[in-house]
Amino acid sequence: TVSLSRPFAVAIRPLVRHRDYTLCELNYLSLATHGVYFETM
């Protein structure tokens, strides 16, 4: 939920689960490494 008047920016940080069950939240530094891209409908 994003407000037109809300003072904070909202960003999508996807989650990935690895083969060894470890969990990672992808941030700006790792989005490109995993080839992540976003598309609004």
All heavy atoms as atom14 arrays in JSON, in Angstrom:
{
  "sequence": "TVSLSRPFAVAIRPLVRHRDYTLCELNYLSLATHGVYFETM",
  "atom14_mask": [
    [1, 1, 1, 1, 1, 1, 1, 0, 0, 0, 0, 0, 0, 0],
    [1, 1, 1, 1, 1, 1, 1, 0, 0, 0, 0, 0, 0, 0],
    [1, 1, 1, 1, 1, 1, 0, 0, 0, 0, 0, 0, 0, 0],
    [1, 1, 1, 1, 1, 1, 1, 1, 0, 0, 0, 0, 0, 0],
    [1, 1, 1, 1, 1, 1, 0, 0, 0, 0, 0, 0, 0, 0],
    [1, 1, 1, 1, 1, 1, 1, 1, 1, 1, 1, 0, 0, 0],
    [1, 1, 1, 1, 1, 1, 1, 0, 0, 0, 0, 0, 0, 0],
    [1, 1, 1, 1, 1, 1, 1, 1, 1, 1, 1, 0, 0, 0],
    [1, 1, 1, 1, 1, 0, 0, 0, 0, 0, 0, 0, 0, 0],
    [1, 1, 1, 1, 1, 1, 1, 0, 0, 0, 0, 0, 0, 0],
    [1, 1, 1, 1, 1, 0, 0, 0, 0, 0, 0, 0, 0, 0],
    [1, 1, 1, 1, 1, 1, 1, 1, 0, 0, 0, 0, 0, 0],
    [1, 1, 1, 1, 1, 1, 1, 1, 1, 1, 1, 0, 0, 0],
    [1, 1, 1, 1, 1, 1, 1, 0, 0, 0, 0, 0, 0, 0],
    [1, 1, 1, 1, 1, 1, 1, 1, 0, 0, 0, 0, 0, 0],
    [1, 1, 1, 1, 1, 1, 1, 0, 0, 0, 0, 0, 0, 0],
    [1, 1, 1, 1, 1, 1, 1, 1, 1, 1, 1, 0, 0, 0],
    [1, 1, 1, 1, 1, 1, 1, 1, 1, 1, 0, 0, 0, 0],
    [1, 1, 1, 1, 1, 1, 1, 1, 1, 1, 1, 0, 0, 0],
    [1, 1, 1, 1, 1, 1, 1, 1, 0, 0, 0, 0, 0, 0],
    [1, 1, 1, 1, 1, 1, 1, 1, 1, 1, 1, 1, 0, 0],
    [1, 1, 1, 1, 1, 1, 1, 0, 0, 0, 0, 0, 0, 0],
    [1, 1, 1, 1, 1, 1, 1, 1, 0, 0, 0, 0, 0, 0],
    [1, 1, 1, 1, 1, 1, 0, 0, 0, 0, 0, 0, 0, 0],
    [1, 1, 1, 1, 1, 1, 1, 1, 1, 0, 0, 0, 0, 0],
    [1, 1, 1, 1, 1, 1, 1, 1, 0, 0, 0, 0, 0, 0],
    [1, 1, 1, 1, 1, 1, 1, 1, 0, 0, 0, 0, 0, 0],
    [1, 1, 1, 1, 1, 1, 1, 1, 1, 1, 1, 1, 0, 0],
    [1, 1, 1, 1, 1, 1, 1, 1, 0, 0, 0, 0, 0, 0],
    [1, 1, 1, 1, 1, 1, 0, 0, 0, 0, 0, 0, 0, 0],
    [1, 1, 1, 1, 1, 1, 1, 1, 0, 0, 0, 0, 0, 0],
    [1, 1, 1, 1, 1, 0, 0, 0, 0, 0, 0, 0, 0, 0],
    [1, 1, 1, 1, 1, 1, 1, 0, 0, 0, 0, 0, 0, 0],
    [1, 1, 1, 1, 1, 1, 1, 1, 1, 1, 0, 0, 0, 0],
    [1, 1, 1, 1, 0, 0, 0, 0, 0, 0, 0, 0, 0, 0],
    [1, 1, 1, 1, 1, 1, 1, 0, 0, 0, 0, 0, 0, 0],
    [1, 1, 1, 1, 1, 1, 1, 1, 1, 1, 1, 1, 0, 0],
    [1, 1, 1, 1, 1, 1, 1, 1, 1, 1, 1, 0, 0, 0],
    [1, 1, 1, 1, 1, 1, 1, 1, 1, 0, 0, 0, 0, 0],
    [1, 1, 1, 1, 1, 1, 1, 0, 0, 0, 0, 0, 0, 0],
    [1, 1, 1, 1, 1, 1, 1, 1, 0, 0, 0, 0, 0, 0]
  ],
  "atom14_positions": [
    [[0.86, -1.18, 0.0], [0.0, 0.0, 0.0], [0.9, 1.23, 0.0], [1.74, 1.38, 0.9], [-0.93, 0.02, 1.23], [-1.77, -1.14, 1.19], [-1.79, 1.27, 1.22], [0.0, 0.0, 0.0], [0.0, 0.0, 0.0], [0.0, 0.0, 0.0], [0.0, 0.0, 0.0], [0.0, 0.0, 0.0], [0.0, 0.0, 0.0], [0.0, 0.0, 0.0]],
    [[0.72, 2.1, -0.99], [1.57, 3.28, -1.14], [0.67, 4.51, -1.11], [-0.31, 4.58, -1.85], [2.38, 3.25, -2.44], [3.36, 4.42, -2.49], [3.13, 1.93, -2.58], [0.0, 0.0, 0.0], [0.0, 0.0, 0.0], [0.0, 0.0, 0.0], [0.0, 0.0, 0.0], [0.0, 0.0, 0.0], [0.0, 0.0, 0.0], [0.0, 0.0, 0.0]],
    [[1.0, 5.46, -0.25], [0.21, 6.68, -0.15], [0.83, 7.79, -0.99], [2.06, 7.95, -1.02], [0.13, 7.13, 1.32], [-0.43, 8.41, 1.42], [0.0, 0.0, 0.0], [0.0, 0.0, 0.0], [0.0, 0.0, 0.0], [0.0, 0.0, 0.0], [0.0, 0.0, 0.0], [0.0, 0.0, 0.0], [0.0, 0.0, 0.0], [0.0, 0.0, 0.0]],
    [[-0.01, 8.55, -1.66], [0.47, 9.69, -2.44], [1.09, 10.76, -1.55], [1.95, 11.52, -1.98], [-0.69, 10.29, -3.25], [-1.21, 9.44, -4.42], [-2.54, 9.99, -4.91], [-0.2, 9.41, -5.55], [0.0, 0.0, 0.0], [0.0, 0.0, 0.0], [0.0, 0.0, 0.0], [0.0, 0.0, 0.0], [0.0, 0.0, 0.0], [0.0, 0.0, 0.0]],
    [[0.66, 10.81, -0.28], [1.17, 11.84, 0.63], [2.12, 11.28, 1.69], [2.63, 12.03, 2.51], [-0.01, 12.52, 1.34], [-0.78, 11.58, 2.05], [0.0, 0.0, 0.0], [0.0, 0.0, 0.0], [0.0, 0.0, 0.0], [0.0, 0.0, 0.0], [0.0, 0.0, 0.0], [0.0, 0.0, 0.0], [0.0, 0.0, 0.0], [0.0, 0.0, 0.0]],
    [[2.36, 9.99, 1.68], [3.21, 9.37, 2.7], [4.65, 9.81, 2.51], [5.15, 9.84, 1.39], [3.1, 7.84, 2.59], [3.67, 7.09, 3.77], [3.41, 5.6, 3.62], [3.91, 4.84, 4.76], [3.81, 3.52, 4.87], [3.22, 2.83, 3.91], [4.28, 2.89, 5.93], [0.0, 0.0, 0.0], [0.0, 0.0, 0.0], [0.0, 0.0, 0.0]],
    [[5.34, 10.15, 3.62], [6.69, 10.7, 3.47], [7.76, 9.7, 3.1], [8.85, 10.08, 2.7], [6.96, 11.29, 4.86], [6.11, 10.5, 5.78], [4.88, 10.17, 5.02], [0.0, 0.0, 0.0], [0.0, 0.0, 0.0], [0.0, 0.0, 0.0], [0.0, 0.0, 0.0], [0.0, 0.0, 0.0], [0.0, 0.0, 0.0], [0.0, 0.0, 0.0]],
    [[7.48, 8.39, 3.22], [8.51, 7.38, 2.97], [8.32, 6.7, 1.62], [7.21, 6.44, 1.18], [8.48, 6.31, 4.06], [8.86, 6.81, 5.42], [7.89, 7.13, 6.35], [10.19, 6.98, 5.76], [8.23, 7.6, 7.61], [10.55, 7.45, 7.02], [9.57, 7.76, 7.94], [0.0, 0.0, 0.0], [0.0, 0.0, 0.0], [0.0, 0.0, 0.0]],
    [[9.44, 6.42, 0.98], [9.42, 5.65, -0.26], [9.16, 4.18, 0.07], [9.6, 3.67, 1.1], [10.74, 5.8, -1.0], [0.0, 0.0, 0.0], [0.0, 0.0, 0.0], [0.0, 0.0, 0.0], [0.0, 0.0, 0.0], [0.0, 0.0, 0.0], [0.0, 0.0, 0.0], [0.0, 0.0, 0.0], [0.0, 0.0, 0.0], [0.0, 0.0, 0.0]],
    [[8.46, 3.49, -0.83], [8.18, 2.06, -0.7], [8.91, 1.32, -1.81], [8.86, 1.74, -2.97], [6.66, 1.78, -0.77], [6.39, 0.28, -0.76], [5.95, 2.45, 0.4], [0.0, 0.0, 0.0], [0.0, 0.0, 0.0], [0.0, 0.0, 0.0], [0.0, 0.0, 0.0], [0.0, 0.0, 0.0], [0.0, 0.0, 0.0], [0.0, 0.0, 0.0]],
    [[9.59, 0.23, -1.45], [10.38, -0.51, -2.42], [10.14, -2.01, -2.26], [9.91, -2.5, -1.14], [11.86, -0.2, -2.28], [0.0, 0.0, 0.0], [0.0, 0.0, 0.0], [0.0, 0.0, 0.0], [0.0, 0.0, 0.0], [0.0, 0.0, 0.0], [0.0, 0.0, 0.0], [0.0, 0.0, 0.0], [0.0, 0.0, 0.0], [0.0, 0.0, 0.0]],
    [[10.2, -2.73, -3.36], [10.04, -4.18, -3.36], [11.41, -4.83, -3.16], [12.34, -4.57, -3.92], [9.42, -4.67, -4.68], [8.03, -4.04, -4.87], [9.33, -6.19, -4.72], [7.4, -4.34, -6.22], [0.0, 0.0, 0.0], [0.0, 0.0, 0.0], [0.0, 0.0, 0.0], [0.0, 0.0, 0.0], [0.0, 0.0, 0.0], [0.0, 0.0, 0.0]],
    [[11.52, -5.65, -2.13], [12.74, -6.41, -1.87], [12.37, -7.89, -1.86], [11.94, -8.43, -0.83], [13.39, -5.99, -0.55], [13.74, -4.5, -0.48], [14.64, -4.18, 0.71], [14.15, -4.75, 1.95], [13.2, -4.19, 2.71], [12.65, -3.03, 2.32], [12.81, -4.75, 3.83], [0.0, 0.0, 0.0], [0.0, 0.0, 0.0], [0.0, 0.0, 0.0]],
    [[12.54, -8.6, -2.99], [12.1, -10.01, -3.07], [12.89, -10.91, -2.13], [14.0, -10.6, -1.7], [12.37, -10.38, -4.53], [12.57, -9.08, -5.25], [13.13, -8.13, -4.24], [0.0, 0.0, 0.0], [0.0, 0.0, 0.0], [0.0, 0.0, 0.0], [0.0, 0.0, 0.0], [0.0, 0.0, 0.0], [0.0, 0.0, 0.0], [0.0, 0.0, 0.0]],
    [[12.3, -12.06, -1.85], [12.95, -13.09, -1.04], [13.31, -14.28, -1.91], [12.53, -14.66, -2.8], [12.03, -13.56, 0.09], [11.74, -12.54, 1.19], [10.6, -13.04, 2.07], [12.98, -12.29, 2.03], [0.0, 0.0, 0.0], [0.0, 0.0, 0.0], [0.0, 0.0, 0.0], [0.0, 0.0, 0.0], [0.0, 0.0, 0.0], [0.0, 0.0, 0.0]],
    [[14.47, -14.87, -1.66], [14.86, -16.11, -2.34], [15.2, -17.16, -1.3], [15.79, -16.86, -0.25], [16.05, -15.91, -3.3], [15.68, -15.0, -4.45], [17.27, -15.37, -2.56], [0.0, 0.0, 0.0], [0.0, 0.0, 0.0], [0.0, 0.0, 0.0], [0.0, 0.0, 0.0], [0.0, 0.0, 0.0], [0.0, 0.0, 0.0], [0.0, 0.0, 0.0]],
    [[14.81, -18.4, -1.59], [15.2, -19.54, -0.78], [16.21, -20.35, -1.58], [16.03, -20.58, -2.77], [13.98, -20.41, -0.45], [14.28, -21.64, 0.37], [14.52, -21.33, 1.82], [13.3, -20.92, 2.51], [13.27, -20.6, 3.8], [14.39, -20.61, 4.52], [12.15, -20.2, 4.37], [0.0, 0.0, 0.0], [0.0, 0.0, 0.0], [0.0, 0.0, 0.0]],
    [[17.3, -20.74, -0.93], [18.35, -21.47, -1.6], [18.22, -22.98, -1.39], [17.44, -23.44, -0.55], [19.73, -21.01, -1.11], [20.03, -19.59, -1.44], [20.44, -18.67, -0.5], [19.97, -18.9, -2.61], [20.63, -17.49, -1.07], [20.34, -17.6, -2.35], [0.0, 0.0, 0.0], [0.0, 0.0, 0.0], [0.0, 0.0, 0.0], [0.0, 0.0, 0.0]],
    [[19.02, -23.72, -2.11], [18.98, -25.18, -2.07], [19.27, -25.72, -0.68], [18.77, -26.79, -0.3], [19.99, -25.73, -3.08], [19.98, -27.25, -3.27], [20.83, -27.59, -4.48], [20.87, -29.02, -4.72], [21.94, -29.77, -4.51], [23.05, -29.22, -4.03], [21.92, -31.06, -4.77], [0.0, 0.0, 0.0], [0.0, 0.0, 0.0], [0.0, 0.0, 0.0]],
    [[20.08, -24.98, 0.1], [20.4, -25.44, 1.46], [19.42, -24.87, 2.49], [19.71, -24.86, 3.68], [21.84, -25.08, 1.82], [22.07, -23.57, 1.85], [21.15, -22.81, 1.44], [23.15, -23.13, 2.28], [0.0, 0.0, 0.0], [0.0, 0.0, 0.0], [0.0, 0.0, 0.0], [0.0, 0.0, 0.0], [0.0, 0.0, 0.0], [0.0, 0.0, 0.0]],
    [[18.26, -24.37, 2.02], [17.17, -23.84, 2.83], [17.43, -22.42, 3.34], [16.55, -21.83, 3.97], [16.85, -24.74, 4.04], [16.4, -26.12, 3.65], [17.23, -27.22, 3.86], [15.16, -26.35, 3.08], [16.85, -28.5, 3.52], [14.75, -27.63, 2.72], [15.61, -28.7, 2.94], [15.21, -29.97, 2.59], [0.0, 0.0, 0.0], [0.0, 0.0, 0.0]],
    [[18.61, -21.86, 3.14], [18.86, -20.51, 3.63], [17.98, -19.5, 2.9], [17.57, -19.71, 1.75], [20.34, -20.12, 3.46], [20.73, -20.29, 2.1], [21.22, -20.96, 4.36], [0.0, 0.0, 0.0], [0.0, 0.0, 0.0], [0.0, 0.0, 0.0], [0.0, 0.0, 0.0], [0.0, 0.0, 0.0], [0.0, 0.0, 0.0], [0.0, 0.0, 0.0]],
    [[17.71, -18.4, 3.59], [16.79, -17.37, 3.12], [17.55, -16.08, 2.92], [18.41, -15.73, 3.72], [15.67, -17.18, 4.13], [14.47, -16.31, 3.77], [13.71, -16.91, 2.61], [13.57, -16.16, 5.0], [0.0, 0.0, 0.0], [0.0, 0.0, 0.0], [0.0, 0.0, 0.0], [0.0, 0.0, 0.0], [0.0, 0.0, 0.0], [0.0, 0.0, 0.0]],
    [[17.23, -15.35, 1.85], [17.94, -14.1, 1.57], [16.95, -13.07, 1.03], [16.1, -13.4, 0.18], [19.07, -14.33, 0.57], [20.0, -12.84, 0.14], [0.0, 0.0, 0.0], [0.0, 0.0, 0.0], [0.0, 0.0, 0.0], [0.0, 0.0, 0.0], [0.0, 0.0, 0.0], [0.0, 0.0, 0.0], [0.0, 0.0, 0.0], [0.0, 0.0, 0.0]],
    [[17.05, -11.85, 1.52], [16.26, -10.74, 1.0], [17.11, -9.97, 0.01], [18.19, -9.5, 0.35], [15.81, -9.84, 2.15], [14.91, -8.71, 1.73], [14.47, -7.88, 2.92], [15.29, -7.13, 3.46], [13.3, -8.0, 3.32], [0.0, 0.0, 0.0], [0.0, 0.0, 0.0], [0.0, 0.0, 0.0], [0.0, 0.0, 0.0], [0.0, 0.0, 0.0]],
    [[16.64, -9.87, -1.22], [17.43, -9.21, -2.26], [17.32, -7.7, -2.13], [16.22, -7.15, -2.14], [16.96, -9.65, -3.65], [17.04, -11.16, -3.94], [16.66, -11.43, -5.4], [18.41, -11.72, -3.63], [0.0, 0.0, 0.0], [0.0, 0.0, 0.0], [0.0, 0.0, 0.0], [0.0, 0.0, 0.0], [0.0, 0.0, 0.0], [0.0, 0.0, 0.0]],
    [[18.46, -7.05, -2.0], [18.46, -5.59, -1.94], [19.06, -5.03, -3.22], [19.31, -5.75, -4.19], [19.24, -5.11, -0.7], [20.68, -5.57, -0.7], [21.3, -5.71, -1.74], [21.23, -5.8, 0.49], [0.0, 0.0, 0.0], [0.0, 0.0, 0.0], [0.0, 0.0, 0.0], [0.0, 0.0, 0.0], [0.0, 0.0, 0.0], [0.0, 0.0, 0.0]],
    [[19.28, -3.74, -3.22], [19.77, -3.05, -4.42], [21.06, -3.66, -4.95], [21.27, -3.73, -6.16], [20.0, -1.57, -4.09], [20.59, -0.76, -5.22], [19.82, -0.43, -6.33], [21.9, -0.35, -5.17], [20.35, 0.31, -7.36], [22.45, 0.39, -6.2], [21.67, 0.72, -7.3], [22.21, 1.44, -8.33], [0.0, 0.0, 0.0], [0.0, 0.0, 0.0]],
    [[21.92, -4.15, -4.06], [23.21, -4.69, -4.49], [23.11, -6.08, -5.11], [23.99, -6.5, -5.85], [24.17, -4.74, -3.28], [24.45, -3.41, -2.6], [25.3, -3.61, -1.36], [25.16, -2.45, -3.57], [0.0, 0.0, 0.0], [0.0, 0.0, 0.0], [0.0, 0.0, 0.0], [0.0, 0.0, 0.0], [0.0, 0.0, 0.0], [0.0, 0.0, 0.0]],
    [[22.03, -6.81, -4.81], [21.93, -8.19, -5.29], [20.84, -8.4, -6.34], [20.74, -9.49, -6.91], [21.68, -9.13, -4.11], [20.56, -8.71, -3.35], [0.0, 0.0, 0.0], [0.0, 0.0, 0.0], [0.0, 0.0, 0.0], [0.0, 0.0, 0.0], [0.0, 0.0, 0.0], [0.0, 0.0, 0.0], [0.0, 0.0, 0.0], [0.0, 0.0, 0.0]],
    [[20.04, -7.37, -6.64], [19.01, -7.52, -7.66], [19.62, -7.84, -9.02], [19.17, -8.74, -9.74], [18.16, -6.25, -7.75], [17.23, -5.96, -6.56], [16.57, -4.6, -6.74], [16.18, -7.05, -6.42], [0.0, 0.0, 0.0], [0.0, 0.0, 0.0], [0.0, 0.0, 0.0], [0.0, 0.0, 0.0], [0.0, 0.0, 0.0], [0.0, 0.0, 0.0]],
    [[20.67, -7.11, -9.37], [21.31, -7.33, -10.68], [21.97, -8.69, -10.75], [21.94, -9.37, -11.78], [22.34, -6.23, -10.94], [0.0, 0.0, 0.0], [0.0, 0.0, 0.0], [0.0, 0.0, 0.0], [0.0, 0.0, 0.0], [0.0, 0.0, 0.0], [0.0, 0.0, 0.0], [0.0, 0.0, 0.0], [0.0, 0.0, 0.0], [0.0, 0.0, 0.0]],
    [[22.56, -9.14, -9.63], [23.21, -10.45, -9.59], [22.24, -11.56, -9.93], [22.59, -12.53, -10.62], [23.82, -10.7, -8.19], [24.73, -9.65, -7.89], [24.53, -12.03, -8.14], [0.0, 0.0, 0.0], [0.0, 0.0, 0.0], [0.0, 0.0, 0.0], [0.0, 0.0, 0.0], [0.0, 0.0, 0.0], [0.0, 0.0, 0.0], [0.0, 0.0, 0.0]],
    [[21.01, -11.44, -9.45], [19.99, -12.46, -9.71], [19.14, -12.15, -10.93], [18.16, -12.87, -11.18], [19.11, -12.62, -8.48], [19.78, -13.31, -7.33], [19.79, -14.69, -7.18], [20.49, -12.83, -6.29], [20.46, -15.01, -6.09], [20.89, -13.9, -5.53], [0.0, 0.0, 0.0], [0.0, 0.0, 0.0], [0.0, 0.0, 0.0], [0.0, 0.0, 0.0]],
    [[19.47, -11.11, -11.67], [18.72, -10.78, -12.87], [17.27, -10.44, -12.62], [16.38, -10.84, -13.38], [0.0, 0.0, 0.0], [0.0, 0.0, 0.0], [0.0, 0.0, 0.0], [0.0, 0.0, 0.0], [0.0, 0.0, 0.0], [0.0, 0.0, 0.0], [0.0, 0.0, 0.0], [0.0, 0.0, 0.0], [0.0, 0.0, 0.0], [0.0, 0.0, 0.0]],
    [[17.01, -9.68, -11.55], [15.64, -9.34, -11.18], [15.18, -8.09, -11.91], [15.93, -7.1, -12.01], [15.52, -9.13, -9.66], [14.1, -8.68, -9.28], [15.87, -10.41, -8.91], [0.0, 0.0, 0.0], [0.0, 0.0, 0.0], [0.0, 0.0, 0.0], [0.0, 0.0, 0.0], [0.0, 0.0, 0.0], [0.0, 0.0, 0.0], [0.0, 0.0, 0.0]],
    [[13.98, -8.13, -12.47], [13.39, -6.93, -13.04], [11.91, -6.86, -12.69], [11.27, -7.87, -12.37], [13.61, -6.84, -14.55], [12.97, -7.91, -15.38], [11.69, -7.74, -15.93], [13.63, -9.11, -15.66], [11.1, -8.71, -16.7], [13.05, -10.09, -16.45], [11.79, -9.88, -16.96], [11.19, -10.86, -17.72], [0.0, 0.0, 0.0], [0.0, 0.0, 0.0]],
    [[11.38, -5.63, -12.73], [10.02, -5.35, -12.27], [9.19, -4.78, -13.43], [9.69, -4.03, -14.26], [10.04, -4.33, -11.13], [10.93, -4.72, -9.98], [12.26, -4.3, -9.96], [10.47, -5.48, -8.94], [13.09, -4.63, -8.9], [11.29, -5.83, -7.89], [12.6, -5.41, -7.86], [0.0, 0.0, 0.0], [0.0, 0.0, 0.0], [0.0, 0.0, 0.0]],
    [[7.9, -5.14, -13.44], [7.0, -4.66, -14.49], [5.64, -4.37, -13.88], [5.01, -5.24, -13.28], [6.87, -5.71, -15.59], [5.95, -5.3, -16.73], [5.78, -6.39, -17.75], [6.3, -7.51, -17.51], [5.12, -6.14, -18.78], [0.0, 0.0, 0.0], [0.0, 0.0, 0.0], [0.0, 0.0, 0.0], [0.0, 0.0, 0.0], [0.0, 0.0, 0.0]],
    [[5.18, -3.11, -14.01], [3.86, -2.76, -13.53], [2.83, -3.02, -14.61], [3.09, -2.83, -15.81], [3.8, -1.29, -13.08], [2.48, -1.0, -12.61], [4.13, -0.35, -14.23], [0.0, 0.0, 0.0], [0.0, 0.0, 0.0], [0.0, 0.0, 0.0], [0.0, 0.0, 0.0], [0.0, 0.0, 0.0], [0.0, 0.0, 0.0], [0.0, 0.0, 0.0]],
    [[1.65, -3.47, -14.2], [0.6, -3.8, -15.14], [-0.24, -2.58, -15.54], [-1.03, -2.65, -16.48], [-0.32, -4.88, -14.56], [0.37, -6.19, -14.22], [1.01, -7.07, -15.68], [2.77, -6.69, -15.56], [0.0, 0.0, 0.0], [0.0, 0.0, 0.0], [0.0, 0.0, 0.0], [0.0, 0.0, 0.0], [0.0, 0.0, 0.0], [0.0, 0.0, 0.0]]
  ]
}
